[in-house]
Amino acid sequence: AASSCLLPQQSHKPAMSCRGGRPGRLMAAGNKAQLPATVAASRSVEKALEEAAASGALHLSNRKLKEFPRSARNYDLSDISHADLSKNLLCELPEDLCQFISLETLSLYHNGMRSLSSNLGNLQALTYLNLSRNLLSSLPPSVFQLPLLRVLIVSNNKLCSLPGSIYALTHLRQLDVSCNELQSLPSELGQLECLRDLNLRRNQLTTLPEEISELPLIRLDVSCNRISHVPFCYRHLQHLQSISLDNNPLQMPPAQICSKGKYHIFKYLNMEACKRSQEELERHPRPTGFNSW
């Protein structure tokens, strides 16, 4: 009976106390799930760097990086052409990235960047640049020193203006500056002869520059602004397939016309332009070419 009473007490003692080495193993097993996340993340980063050296594509998105991995210097990344560092905690553009002169695409979406390095201009092969969802209040000259850039996405920042030097992006086909604080646009936009897609949604624009009518745009989004008048010359946007003007205090064309789509918008602009031309002609009649004596 006495021995039977001791059995429950013995059952609470770890069985490995009788065997050397076993306690350490079990303790390690118990702590395995509690390994620091930084260790696993570090291993993951190293694997990404190793793969980048082999494939030419660097994938470091969503790693909670506050800076570019210092261990990257242990790998030959000189030939990488694609880099994705989106969804991290970068406060500024890593200088190391600016040394990868073979980069063609660079995504820095959803970080905390407030500024961009002047060395960004080193990336002369860059064709795609995504800087959306950061804290940029302006774009430095280095952005406009990228001669081959075709896609520039700077949506969801704090931009108050676009510099006139944007005209230098002669190969630009897509420009997305939606969800910023733009109050006006530079007339130099009209010099972007390759621009096909212009997204100006959700800014503070009150007017649209007439020079935009000279672009070969296929898509134009100016919704959610403060625009009351669409210039008559926008009827010359012959390639336009999609135009969005909703959520503006429109007076010309009226909102009910704009809600019907591009055909009705252009029809209205044509009719109003003809009407204005006729009125102008009546106010200032052309000379007949005959002299009166």
C-alpha atoms as a PDB file:
ATOM      1  CA  ALA A   1       0.000   0.000   0.000  1.00  0.00           C
ATOM      2  CA  ALA A   2       2.856   2.345   0.852  1.00  0.00           C
ATOM      3  CA  SER A   3       4.512   1.668  -2.458  1.00  0.00           C
ATOM      4  CA  SER A   4       1.248   2.305  -4.309  1.00  0.00           C
ATOM      5  CA  CYS A   5       1.035   5.752  -2.673  1.00  0.00           C
ATOM      6  CA  LEU A   6       4.494   6.630  -3.943  1.00  0.00           C
ATOM      7  CA  LEU A   7       3.666   5.883  -7.570  1.00  0.00           C
ATOM      8  CA  PRO A   8       1.780   9.159  -8.278  1.00  0.00           C
ATOM      9  CA  GLN A   9       4.704  11.159  -6.858  1.00  0.00           C
ATOM     10  CA  GLN A  10       7.175   9.317  -9.073  1.00  0.00           C
ATOM     11  CA  SER A  11       5.023   9.886 -12.140  1.00  0.00           C
ATOM     12  CA  HIS A  12       5.547  13.671 -11.772  1.00  0.00           C
ATOM     13  CA  LYS A  13       9.339  13.372 -11.960  1.00  0.00           C
ATOM     14  CA  PRO A  14      10.877  13.722 -15.435  1.00  0.00           C
ATOM     15  CA  ALA A  15      11.847  10.315 -16.709  1.00  0.00           C
ATOM     16  CA  MET A  16      15.042  11.709 -18.244  1.00  0.00           C
ATOM     17  CA  SER A  17      16.525  12.398 -14.762  1.00  0.00           C
ATOM     18  CA  CYS A  18      17.887   8.830 -14.773  1.00  0.00           C
ATOM     19  CA  ARG A  19      19.690   9.178 -18.138  1.00  0.00           C
ATOM     20  CA  GLY A  20      22.550  11.476 -18.916  1.00  0.00           C
ATOM     21  CA  GLY A  21      22.133  13.944 -21.778  1.00  0.00           C
ATOM     22  CA  ARG A  22      18.379  13.485 -22.193  1.00  0.00           C
ATOM     23  CA  PRO A  23      17.389  16.652 -20.221  1.00  0.00           C
ATOM     24  CA  GLY A  24      19.393  18.842 -22.607  1.00  0.00           C
ATOM     25  CA  ARG A  25      17.741  17.324 -25.647  1.00  0.00           C
ATOM     26  CA  LEU A  26      14.256  17.768 -24.323  1.00  0.00           C
ATOM     27  CA  MET A  27      14.983  21.334 -23.263  1.00  0.00           C
ATOM     28  CA  ALA A  28      16.216  22.129 -26.758  1.00  0.00           C
ATOM     29  CA  ALA A  29      13.110  20.581 -28.238  1.00  0.00           C
ATOM     30  CA  GLY A  30      10.943  22.675 -25.976  1.00  0.00           C
ATOM     31  CA  ASN A  31      12.723  25.885 -26.938  1.00  0.00           C
ATOM     32  CA  LYS A  32      12.721  25.164 -30.648  1.00  0.00           C
ATOM     33  CA  ALA A  33       9.380  26.859 -31.087  1.00  0.00           C
ATOM     34  CA  GLN A  34      10.702  29.857 -29.162  1.00  0.00           C
ATOM     35  CA  LEU A  35      13.712  30.551 -31.410  1.00  0.00           C
ATOM     36  CA  PRO A  36      13.937  34.312 -32.120  1.00  0.00           C
ATOM     37  CA  ALA A  37      12.059  35.290 -35.254  1.00  0.00           C
ATOM     38  CA  THR A  38      15.079  37.354 -36.252  1.00  0.00           C
ATOM     39  CA  VAL A  39      17.136  34.172 -36.622  1.00  0.00           C
ATOM     40  CA  ALA A  40      14.628  32.638 -39.022  1.00  0.00           C
ATOM     41  CA  ALA A  41      14.307  35.949 -40.864  1.00  0.00           C
ATOM     42  CA  SER A  42      18.080  36.205 -41.154  1.00  0.00           C
ATOM     43  CA  ARG A  43      18.272  32.743 -42.660  1.00  0.00           C
ATOM     44  CA  SER A  44      15.496  33.686 -45.072  1.00  0.00           C
ATOM     45  CA  VAL A  45      17.334  36.859 -46.118  1.00  0.00           C
ATOM     46  CA  GLU A  46      20.543  34.931 -46.696  1.00  0.00           C
ATOM     47  CA  LYS A  47      18.675  32.453 -48.869  1.00  0.00           C
ATOM     48  CA  ALA A  48      17.143  35.299 -50.880  1.00  0.00           C
ATOM     49  CA  LEU A  49      20.579  36.843 -51.415  1.00  0.00           C
ATOM     50  CA  GLU A  50      22.000  33.506 -52.506  1.00  0.00           C
ATOM     51  CA  GLU A  51      19.153  33.003 -54.977  1.00  0.00           C
ATOM     52  CA  ALA A  52      19.543  36.543 -56.283  1.00  0.00           C
ATOM     53  CA  ALA A  53      23.199  35.949 -57.071  1.00  0.00           C
ATOM     54  CA  ALA A  54      22.167  32.950 -59.157  1.00  0.00           C
ATOM     55  CA  SER A  55      18.965  34.220 -60.798  1.00  0.00           C
ATOM     56  CA  GLY A  56      19.429  37.992 -61.103  1.00  0.00           C
ATOM     57  CA  ALA A  57      16.197  38.691 -59.197  1.00  0.00           C
ATOM     58  CA  LEU A  58      16.301  39.913 -55.592  1.00  0.00           C
ATOM     59  CA  HIS A  59      13.142  39.226 -53.569  1.00  0.00           C
ATOM     60  CA  LEU A  60      13.241  40.819 -50.117  1.00  0.00           C
ATOM     61  CA  SER A  61       9.652  41.968 -49.678  1.00  0.00           C
ATOM     62  CA  ASN A  62       7.869  41.824 -46.321  1.00  0.00           C
ATOM     63  CA  ARG A  63      11.006  41.123 -44.221  1.00  0.00           C
ATOM     64  CA  LYS A  64      10.697  44.055 -41.763  1.00  0.00           C
ATOM     65  CA  LEU A  65      14.028  45.380 -43.026  1.00  0.00           C
ATOM     66  CA  LYS A  66      15.120  48.754 -41.682  1.00  0.00           C
ATOM     67  CA  GLU A  67      18.189  48.833 -43.888  1.00  0.00           C
ATOM     68  CA  PHE A  68      19.663  46.935 -46.791  1.00  0.00           C
ATOM     69  CA  PRO A  69      21.225  43.654 -45.565  1.00  0.00           C
ATOM     70  CA  ARG A  70      24.907  44.208 -44.834  1.00  0.00           C
ATOM     71  CA  SER A  71      25.614  40.586 -45.672  1.00  0.00           C
ATOM     72  CA  ALA A  72      24.677  41.371 -49.282  1.00  0.00           C
ATOM     73  CA  ARG A  73      28.308  42.385 -49.764  1.00  0.00           C
ATOM     74  CA  ASN A  74      29.218  38.723 -49.438  1.00  0.00           C
ATOM     75  CA  TYR A  75      27.399  37.928 -52.678  1.00  0.00           C
ATOM     76  CA  ASP A  76      27.949  38.990 -56.263  1.00  0.00           C
ATOM     77  CA  LEU A  77      24.809  40.993 -56.987  1.00  0.00           C
ATOM     78  CA  SER A  78      26.342  43.201 -59.648  1.00  0.00           C
ATOM     79  CA  ASP A  79      24.190  41.685 -62.395  1.00  0.00           C
ATOM     80  CA  ILE A  80      20.770  41.660 -60.718  1.00  0.00           C
ATOM     81  CA  SER A  81      18.086  43.169 -62.943  1.00  0.00           C
ATOM     82  CA  HIS A  82      15.042  42.996 -60.640  1.00  0.00           C
ATOM     83  CA  ALA A  83      14.748  44.030 -56.983  1.00  0.00           C
ATOM     84  CA  ASP A  84      11.669  43.931 -54.764  1.00  0.00           C
ATOM     85  CA  LEU A  85      12.009  45.475 -51.296  1.00  0.00           C
ATOM     86  CA  SER A  86       8.343  46.305 -50.840  1.00  0.00           C
ATOM     87  CA  LYS A  87       6.525  46.119 -47.494  1.00  0.00           C
ATOM     88  CA  ASN A  88       9.542  46.771 -45.289  1.00  0.00           C
ATOM     89  CA  LEU A  89      10.527  49.508 -42.832  1.00  0.00           C
ATOM     90  CA  LEU A  90      13.011  51.459 -44.918  1.00  0.00           C
ATOM     91  CA  CYS A  91      13.160  55.174 -44.048  1.00  0.00           C
ATOM     92  CA  GLU A  92      15.322  56.071 -47.017  1.00  0.00           C
ATOM     93  CA  LEU A  93      16.510  54.616 -50.277  1.00  0.00           C
ATOM     94  CA  PRO A  94      19.400  52.221 -49.513  1.00  0.00           C
ATOM     95  CA  GLU A  95      22.622  53.488 -51.056  1.00  0.00           C
ATOM     96  CA  ASP A  96      23.670  49.921 -51.815  1.00  0.00           C
ATOM     97  CA  LEU A  97      20.764  49.574 -54.243  1.00  0.00           C
ATOM     98  CA  CYS A  98      22.043  52.522 -56.241  1.00  0.00           C
ATOM     99  CA  GLN A  99      25.181  50.543 -57.075  1.00  0.00           C
ATOM    100  CA  PHE A 100      23.291  47.839 -58.969  1.00  0.00           C
ATOM    101  CA  ILE A 101      23.506  49.563 -62.336  1.00  0.00           C
ATOM    102  CA  SER A 102      21.940  46.617 -64.181  1.00  0.00           C
ATOM    103  CA  LEU A 103      18.597  47.046 -62.380  1.00  0.00           C
ATOM    104  CA  GLU A 104      15.628  47.242 -64.722  1.00  0.00           C
ATOM    105  CA  THR A 105      12.787  47.060 -62.189  1.00  0.00           C
ATOM    106  CA  LEU A 106      12.752  48.333 -58.616  1.00  0.00           C
ATOM    107  CA  SER A 107       9.833  48.111 -56.197  1.00  0.00           C
ATOM    108  CA  LEU A 108       9.958  50.018 -52.906  1.00  0.00           C
ATOM    109  CA  TYR A 109       6.210  49.946 -52.351  1.00  0.00           C
ATOM    110  CA  HIS A 110       4.903  50.358 -48.787  1.00  0.00           C
ATOM    111  CA  ASN A 111       7.947  51.475 -46.800  1.00  0.00           C
ATOM    112  CA  GLY A 112       8.419  54.616 -44.720  1.00  0.00           C
ATOM    113  CA  MET A 113      10.709  56.519 -47.051  1.00  0.00           C
ATOM    114  CA  ARG A 114      10.731  60.298 -46.743  1.00  0.00           C
ATOM    115  CA  SER A 115      13.540  60.981 -49.191  1.00  0.00           C
ATOM    116  CA  LEU A 116      15.397  59.515 -52.144  1.00  0.00           C
ATOM    117  CA  SER A 117      19.129  59.471 -52.695  1.00  0.00           C
ATOM    118  CA  SER A 118      20.645  61.546 -55.481  1.00  0.00           C
ATOM    119  CA  ASN A 119      22.459  58.347 -56.475  1.00  0.00           C
ATOM    120  CA  LEU A 120      19.185  56.920 -57.764  1.00  0.00           C
ATOM    121  CA  GLY A 121      20.260  58.445 -61.059  1.00  0.00           C
ATOM    122  CA  ASN A 122      22.967  55.775 -61.295  1.00  0.00           C
ATOM    123  CA  LEU A 123      20.313  53.251 -62.303  1.00  0.00           C
ATOM    124  CA  GLN A 124      20.407  54.180 -65.966  1.00  0.00           C
ATOM    125  CA  ALA A 125      18.869  50.864 -67.072  1.00  0.00           C
ATOM    126  CA  LEU A 126      15.764  51.243 -64.887  1.00  0.00           C
ATOM    127  CA  THR A 127      12.446  50.933 -66.742  1.00  0.00           C
ATOM    128  CA  TYR A 128      10.045  50.366 -63.803  1.00  0.00           C
ATOM    129  CA  LEU A 129      10.021  52.225 -60.471  1.00  0.00           C
ATOM    130  CA  ASN A 130       7.357  51.745 -57.796  1.00  0.00           C
ATOM    131  CA  LEU A 131       7.543  54.204 -54.886  1.00  0.00           C
ATOM    132  CA  SER A 132       3.902  54.025 -53.820  1.00  0.00           C
ATOM    133  CA  ARG A 133       2.742  54.091 -50.190  1.00  0.00           C
ATOM    134  CA  ASN A 134       5.676  56.002 -48.749  1.00  0.00           C
ATOM    135  CA  LEU A 135       6.019  59.449 -47.176  1.00  0.00           C
ATOM    136  CA  LEU A 136       7.593  61.369 -50.040  1.00  0.00           C
ATOM    137  CA  SER A 137       6.684  65.056 -50.142  1.00  0.00           C
ATOM    138  CA  SER A 138       8.696  65.755 -53.307  1.00  0.00           C
ATOM    139  CA  LEU A 139      10.546  63.991 -56.089  1.00  0.00           C
ATOM    140  CA  PRO A 140      14.255  64.808 -56.397  1.00  0.00           C
ATOM    141  CA  PRO A 141      16.025  65.494 -59.720  1.00  0.00           C
ATOM    142  CA  SER A 142      17.521  61.987 -59.615  1.00  0.00           C
ATOM    143  CA  VAL A 143      14.119  60.500 -60.538  1.00  0.00           C
ATOM    144  CA  PHE A 144      14.147  62.455 -63.783  1.00  0.00           C
ATOM    145  CA  GLN A 145      17.649  61.325 -64.660  1.00  0.00           C
ATOM    146  CA  LEU A 146      16.439  57.819 -65.557  1.00  0.00           C
ATOM    147  CA  PRO A 147      16.385  57.947 -69.362  1.00  0.00           C
ATOM    148  CA  LEU A 148      14.734  54.557 -69.989  1.00  0.00           C
ATOM    149  CA  LEU A 149      11.999  54.771 -67.343  1.00  0.00           C
ATOM    150  CA  ARG A 150       8.666  53.602 -68.724  1.00  0.00           C
ATOM    151  CA  VAL A 151       6.585  53.164 -65.549  1.00  0.00           C
ATOM    152  CA  LEU A 152       6.633  55.528 -62.559  1.00  0.00           C
ATOM    153  CA  ILE A 153       4.243  54.789 -59.683  1.00  0.00           C
ATOM    154  CA  VAL A 154       4.264  57.323 -56.841  1.00  0.00           C
ATOM    155  CA  SER A 155       0.711  56.943 -55.556  1.00  0.00           C
ATOM    156  CA  ASN A 156      -0.213  57.284 -51.881  1.00  0.00           C
ATOM    157  CA  ASN A 157       2.538  59.688 -50.876  1.00  0.00           C
ATOM    158  CA  LYS A 158       2.468  63.336 -49.806  1.00  0.00           C
ATOM    159  CA  LEU A 159       3.417  65.044 -53.056  1.00  0.00           C
ATOM    160  CA  CYS A 160       2.252  68.649 -53.338  1.00  0.00           C
ATOM    161  CA  SER A 161       3.642  69.249 -56.819  1.00  0.00           C
ATOM    162  CA  LEU A 162       5.440  67.730 -59.784  1.00  0.00           C
ATOM    163  CA  PRO A 163       8.549  69.470 -61.111  1.00  0.00           C
ATOM    164  CA  GLY A 164       8.690  70.727 -64.670  1.00  0.00           C
ATOM    165  CA  SER A 165      11.738  68.535 -65.212  1.00  0.00           C
ATOM    166  CA  ILE A 166       9.370  65.595 -65.617  1.00  0.00           C
ATOM    167  CA  TYR A 167       9.567  66.287 -69.347  1.00  0.00           C
ATOM    168  CA  ALA A 168      12.978  64.520 -69.292  1.00  0.00           C
ATOM    169  CA  LEU A 169      11.284  61.109 -68.945  1.00  0.00           C
ATOM    170  CA  THR A 170      10.874  60.816 -72.695  1.00  0.00           C
ATOM    171  CA  HIS A 171      10.086  57.067 -72.635  1.00  0.00           C
ATOM    172  CA  LEU A 172       7.485  57.233 -69.850  1.00  0.00           C
ATOM    173  CA  ARG A 173       4.311  55.309 -70.704  1.00  0.00           C
ATOM    174  CA  GLN A 174       2.571  55.097 -67.318  1.00  0.00           C
ATOM    175  CA  LEU A 175       2.474  57.750 -64.602  1.00  0.00           C
ATOM    176  CA  ASP A 176       0.516  57.122 -61.408  1.00  0.00           C
ATOM    177  CA  VAL A 177       0.468  60.015 -58.920  1.00  0.00           C
ATOM    178  CA  SER A 178      -2.931  59.201 -57.441  1.00  0.00           C
ATOM    179  CA  CYS A 179      -3.734  59.745 -53.751  1.00  0.00           C
ATOM    180  CA  ASN A 180      -1.360  62.638 -53.154  1.00  0.00           C
ATOM    181  CA  GLU A 181      -1.840  66.331 -52.399  1.00  0.00           C
ATOM    182  CA  LEU A 182      -1.230  67.793 -55.857  1.00  0.00           C
ATOM    183  CA  GLN A 183      -2.844  71.187 -56.372  1.00  0.00           C
ATOM    184  CA  SER A 184      -1.599  71.803 -59.907  1.00  0.00           C
ATOM    185  CA  LEU A 185       0.223  70.101 -62.763  1.00  0.00           C
ATOM    186  CA  PRO A 186       3.164  71.378 -64.798  1.00  0.00           C
ATOM    187  CA  SER A 187       2.535  72.204 -68.441  1.00  0.00           C
ATOM    188  CA  GLU A 188       5.631  70.103 -69.218  1.00  0.00           C
ATOM    189  CA  LEU A 189       3.443  67.000 -68.879  1.00  0.00           C
ATOM    190  CA  GLY A 190       2.442  67.705 -72.450  1.00  0.00           C
ATOM    191  CA  GLN A 191       5.974  66.858 -73.590  1.00  0.00           C
ATOM    192  CA  LEU A 192       5.746  63.208 -72.510  1.00  0.00           C
ATOM    193  CA  GLU A 193       5.176  61.982 -76.041  1.00  0.00           C
ATOM    194  CA  CYS A 194       4.995  58.289 -75.080  1.00  0.00           C
ATOM    195  CA  LEU A 195       2.575  58.617 -72.134  1.00  0.00           C
ATOM    196  CA  ARG A 196      -0.400  56.261 -72.426  1.00  0.00           C
ATOM    197  CA  ASP A 197      -1.741  55.977 -68.878  1.00  0.00           C
ATOM    198  CA  LEU A 198      -2.112  58.971 -66.537  1.00  0.00           C
ATOM    199  CA  ASN A 199      -3.646  58.467 -63.093  1.00  0.00           C
ATOM    200  CA  LEU A 200      -4.372  61.691 -61.159  1.00  0.00           C
ATOM    201  CA  ARG A 201      -7.086  60.260 -58.942  1.00  0.00           C
ATOM    202  CA  ARG A 202      -7.691  61.641 -55.452  1.00  0.00           C
ATOM    203  CA  ASN A 203      -5.647  64.838 -55.375  1.00  0.00           C
ATOM    204  CA  GLN A 204      -6.557  68.502 -54.911  1.00  0.00           C
ATOM    205  CA  LEU A 205      -6.493  69.605 -58.537  1.00  0.00           C
ATOM    206  CA  THR A 206      -8.774  72.473 -59.536  1.00  0.00           C
ATOM    207  CA  THR A 207      -7.666  72.791 -63.163  1.00  0.00           C
ATOM    208  CA  LEU A 208      -6.195  70.600 -65.887  1.00  0.00           C
ATOM    209  CA  PRO A 209      -3.435  71.858 -68.183  1.00  0.00           C
ATOM    210  CA  GLU A 210      -4.438  72.133 -71.835  1.00  0.00           C
ATOM    211  CA  GLU A 211      -1.113  70.559 -72.819  1.00  0.00           C
ATOM    212  CA  ILE A 212      -2.414  67.140 -71.740  1.00  0.00           C
ATOM    213  CA  SER A 213      -4.586  67.152 -74.872  1.00  0.00           C
ATOM    214  CA  GLU A 214      -1.397  66.704 -76.920  1.00  0.00           C
ATOM    215  CA  LEU A 215      -0.616  63.322 -75.347  1.00  0.00           C
ATOM    216  CA  PRO A 216      -1.383  59.910 -76.914  1.00  0.00           C
ATOM    217  CA  LEU A 217      -3.290  58.894 -73.785  1.00  0.00           C
ATOM    218  CA  ILE A 218      -5.309  55.699 -73.705  1.00  0.00           C
ATOM    219  CA  ARG A 219      -6.426  56.048 -70.078  1.00  0.00           C
ATOM    220  CA  LEU A 220      -6.993  59.203 -68.030  1.00  0.00           C
ATOM    221  CA  ASP A 221      -8.269  59.205 -64.449  1.00  0.00           C
ATOM    222  CA  VAL A 222      -8.891  62.578 -62.785  1.00  0.00           C
ATOM    223  CA  SER A 223     -11.635  61.416 -60.431  1.00  0.00           C
ATOM    224  CA  CYS A 224     -11.932  62.650 -56.853  1.00  0.00           C
ATOM    225  CA  ASN A 225     -10.446  66.107 -57.388  1.00  0.00           C
ATOM    226  CA  ARG A 226     -11.851  69.657 -57.420  1.00  0.00           C
ATOM    227  CA  ILE A 227     -12.163  70.145 -61.151  1.00  0.00           C
ATOM    228  CA  SER A 228     -15.069  72.212 -62.459  1.00  0.00           C
ATOM    229  CA  HIS A 229     -14.107  72.568 -66.140  1.00  0.00           C
ATOM    230  CA  VAL A 230     -12.604  70.189 -68.676  1.00  0.00           C
ATOM    231  CA  PRO A 231     -10.730  72.101 -71.400  1.00  0.00           C
ATOM    232  CA  PHE A 232     -12.429  71.999 -74.825  1.00  0.00           C
ATOM    233  CA  CYS A 233      -9.164  70.826 -76.397  1.00  0.00           C
ATOM    234  CA  TYR A 234      -9.428  67.502 -74.559  1.00  0.00           C
ATOM    235  CA  ARG A 235     -11.730  66.434 -77.368  1.00  0.00           C
ATOM    236  CA  HIS A 236      -8.539  65.988 -79.390  1.00  0.00           C
ATOM    237  CA  LEU A 237      -7.449  63.004 -77.257  1.00  0.00           C
ATOM    238  CA  GLN A 238      -8.064  60.681 -80.189  1.00  0.00           C
ATOM    239  CA  HIS A 239      -6.543  57.547 -78.657  1.00  0.00           C
ATOM    240  CA  LEU A 240      -8.401  57.810 -75.363  1.00  0.00           C
ATOM    241  CA  GLN A 241     -10.342  54.680 -74.451  1.00  0.00           C
ATOM    242  CA  SER A 242     -11.131  55.399 -70.801  1.00  0.00           C
ATOM    243  CA  ILE A 243     -11.696  58.673 -68.970  1.00  0.00           C
ATOM    244  CA  SER A 244     -12.878  58.970 -65.367  1.00  0.00           C
ATOM    245  CA  LEU A 245     -14.174  62.307 -64.032  1.00  0.00           C
ATOM    246  CA  ASP A 246     -16.428  61.191 -61.201  1.00  0.00           C
ATOM    247  CA  ASN A 247     -16.439  62.926 -57.802  1.00  0.00           C
ATOM    248  CA  ASN A 248     -15.559  66.381 -59.110  1.00  0.00           C
ATOM    249  CA  PRO A 249     -17.671  69.574 -58.846  1.00  0.00           C
ATOM    250  CA  LEU A 250     -18.119  69.576 -62.619  1.00  0.00           C
ATOM    251  CA  GLN A 251     -19.890  72.386 -64.405  1.00  0.00           C
ATOM    252  CA  MET A 252     -18.538  71.856 -67.899  1.00  0.00           C
ATOM    253  CA  PRO A 253     -19.353  69.213 -68.951  1.00  0.00           C
ATOM    254  CA  PRO A 254     -22.116  68.759 -66.394  1.00  0.00           C
ATOM    255  CA  ALA A 255     -21.768  65.755 -64.102  1.00  0.00           C
ATOM    256  CA  GLN A 256     -24.774  64.032 -65.676  1.00  0.00           C
ATOM    257  CA  ILE A 257     -23.042  64.141 -69.052  1.00  0.00           C
ATOM    258  CA  CYS A 258     -19.737  62.841 -67.653  1.00  0.00           C
ATOM    259  CA  SER A 259     -21.461  59.926 -65.978  1.00  0.00           C
ATOM    260  CA  LYS A 260     -22.516  58.641 -69.423  1.00  0.00           C
ATOM    261  CA  GLY A 261     -18.955  58.022 -70.551  1.00  0.00           C
ATOM    262  CA  LYS A 262     -16.356  59.149 -73.055  1.00  0.00           C
ATOM    263  CA  TYR A 263     -18.603  59.364 -76.135  1.00  0.00           C
ATOM    264  CA  HIS A 264     -21.022  61.792 -74.493  1.00  0.00           C
ATOM    265  CA  ILE A 265     -18.213  63.807 -72.892  1.00  0.00           C
ATOM    266  CA  PHE A 266     -16.485  64.303 -76.236  1.00  0.00           C
ATOM    267  CA  LYS A 267     -19.758  65.047 -78.006  1.00  0.00           C
ATOM    268  CA  TYR A 268     -20.506  67.766 -75.474  1.00  0.00           C
ATOM    269  CA  LEU A 269     -17.000  69.253 -75.757  1.00  0.00           C
ATOM    270  CA  ASN A 270     -17.291  69.314 -79.552  1.00  0.00           C
ATOM    271  CA  MET A 271     -20.658  71.028 -79.470  1.00  0.00           C
ATOM    272  CA  GLU A 272     -19.496  73.614 -76.950  1.00  0.00           C
ATOM    273  CA  ALA A 273     -16.289  74.262 -78.895  1.00  0.00           C
ATOM    274  CA  CYS A 274     -18.272  74.856 -82.098  1.00  0.00           C
ATOM    275  CA  LYS A 275     -20.668  77.132 -80.261  1.00  0.00           C
ATOM    276  CA  ARG A 276     -17.807  79.177 -78.792  1.00  0.00           C
ATOM    277  CA  SER A 277     -16.111  79.413 -82.191  1.00  0.00           C
ATOM    278  CA  GLN A 278     -19.302  80.718 -83.763  1.00  0.00           C
ATOM    279  CA  GLU A 279     -19.729  83.289 -81.016  1.00  0.00           C
ATOM    280  CA  GLU A 280     -16.125  84.388 -81.436  1.00  0.00           C
ATOM    281  CA  LEU A 281     -16.606  84.716 -85.177  1.00  0.00           C
ATOM    282  CA  GLU A 282     -19.672  86.860 -84.703  1.00  0.00           C
ATOM    283  CA  ARG A 283     -17.818  89.148 -82.313  1.00  0.00           C
ATOM    284  CA  HIS A 284     -14.789  89.432 -84.583  1.00  0.00           C
ATOM    285  CA  PRO A 285     -15.865  88.839 -88.200  1.00  0.00           C
ATOM    286  CA  ARG A 286     -13.138  87.903 -90.625  1.00  0.00           C
ATOM    287  CA  PRO A 287     -12.173  90.485 -93.271  1.00  0.00           C
ATOM    288  CA  THR A 288     -13.860  89.895 -96.653  1.00  0.00           C
ATOM    289  CA  GLY A 289     -10.704  90.688 -98.618  1.00  0.00           C
ATOM    290  CA  PHE A 290     -12.392  93.531-100.570  1.00  0.00           C
ATOM    291  CA  ASN A 291     -11.416  97.149-100.069  1.00  0.00           C
ATOM    292  CA  SER A 292     -14.117  99.714 -99.763  1.00  0.00           C
ATOM    293  CA  TRP A 293     -13.561 103.024-101.444  1.00  0.00           C
END
